[in-house]
Amino acid sequence: MELFTECKWPDWDRIVNIVVINGNKALEDINDENTYKIFFLEDGEIDITEGNIKKKISVPYFKILSDKDRISVTHRKPVKISVVYFKPTAIRDEFELKRLESKEFEDTMGQSIYQDYSLIRAFCFGDRKKEYELPIGGVKRFKEIIAHIGKELDEQRDGFWPCRSRSHLFELLYYINYSFIYTENEGLDTKERDYFNETVEYLTEHISEHITLEKLTKELAINRNKLNEIFMEKASTTCMNYFTKMRIDLAKLMLKGTELMIGEIGDRVGYPDPNYFAKVFKQNTGVNPTEYRKSAS
């Protein structure tokens, strides 16, 4: 099976190294040597064998796989499975597999490249945790983003489909990193760590929505002072400032990694008013979105 998407437009010879496959066929190339994979089990039960270890997996669940990971999957009952296949070069041209395997690569990259590299770093290292149980609230977000990727690749409704499909992949990787990798932290007791992780997970799931501190504390049943105390200890900033940073960081990825309209990017990260998005972006980066895109290109 071809693990890339070809342009359907006449006279436009374009390939995007991303594809979304659903159902039983999704697993046919799960051990492909040229792609990374995000394996999402929405419904059903499976057994996964990796090396000499066999695990019974129930939903909801996802697993990230590198080009070198090898697994076999056995269905225990009817399942709903989606796999996003992508080459790391879909994130950035420099991310060829051979370069990523070089021990010197991580030490020689600049800050801008490292920000992009952080999206896929967990795929590259076998000693990092690579499988996760999704909270019930996270299933909807996971499904939505994967569906957005697949829809853009399939419909190709306008000339921005390559950028837009890549931007949704950025969003999925960003969600995985912020909610399941980045939030694994030390320095907090178990209860506080759980509050921190739960809050970041909630913010990531609702990054495009209007969220107030009042709404957040009510949703998570926590005192606002206590929540900010936890965030000050973990992240040296308040909860809502942290949320703004999350939004701006995602916007930066889309600005430098795609040619999407700035207004669309602002809307995707929770700022439907372009002028307000530009104002908040400049407050947090020192430049407006247009200037940032030019400097990052």
Foldseek 3Di string as FASTA:
>chain_A
DDQWFADPDPPDGDIQNKAKDKDPVQCPCVQALAWKKKKFWAQAWKWKDWPNDIDIDGDGKIFIAASHGDIDMGGPDGTIMMMMIGGLCSLPVVRGPVLLLDPCNVVPDDPLVVLSVLLCVQNSDPVHDTMDHDDPLVSVLLVVLSVQLNCLSPCVPDPQSSLRSSLSVLLNSLLCCQQPNVLPDDDDPPVLSVLVNVLSNVLSSQQLADDDLVNSCVVSVHDLVVQQVSCCRVPVGGPVVVSLVSLLSSLLSSLQSGPDDSCVSCNNRHHNDSVVQQVSNCVVVVHGSVVSNVVND
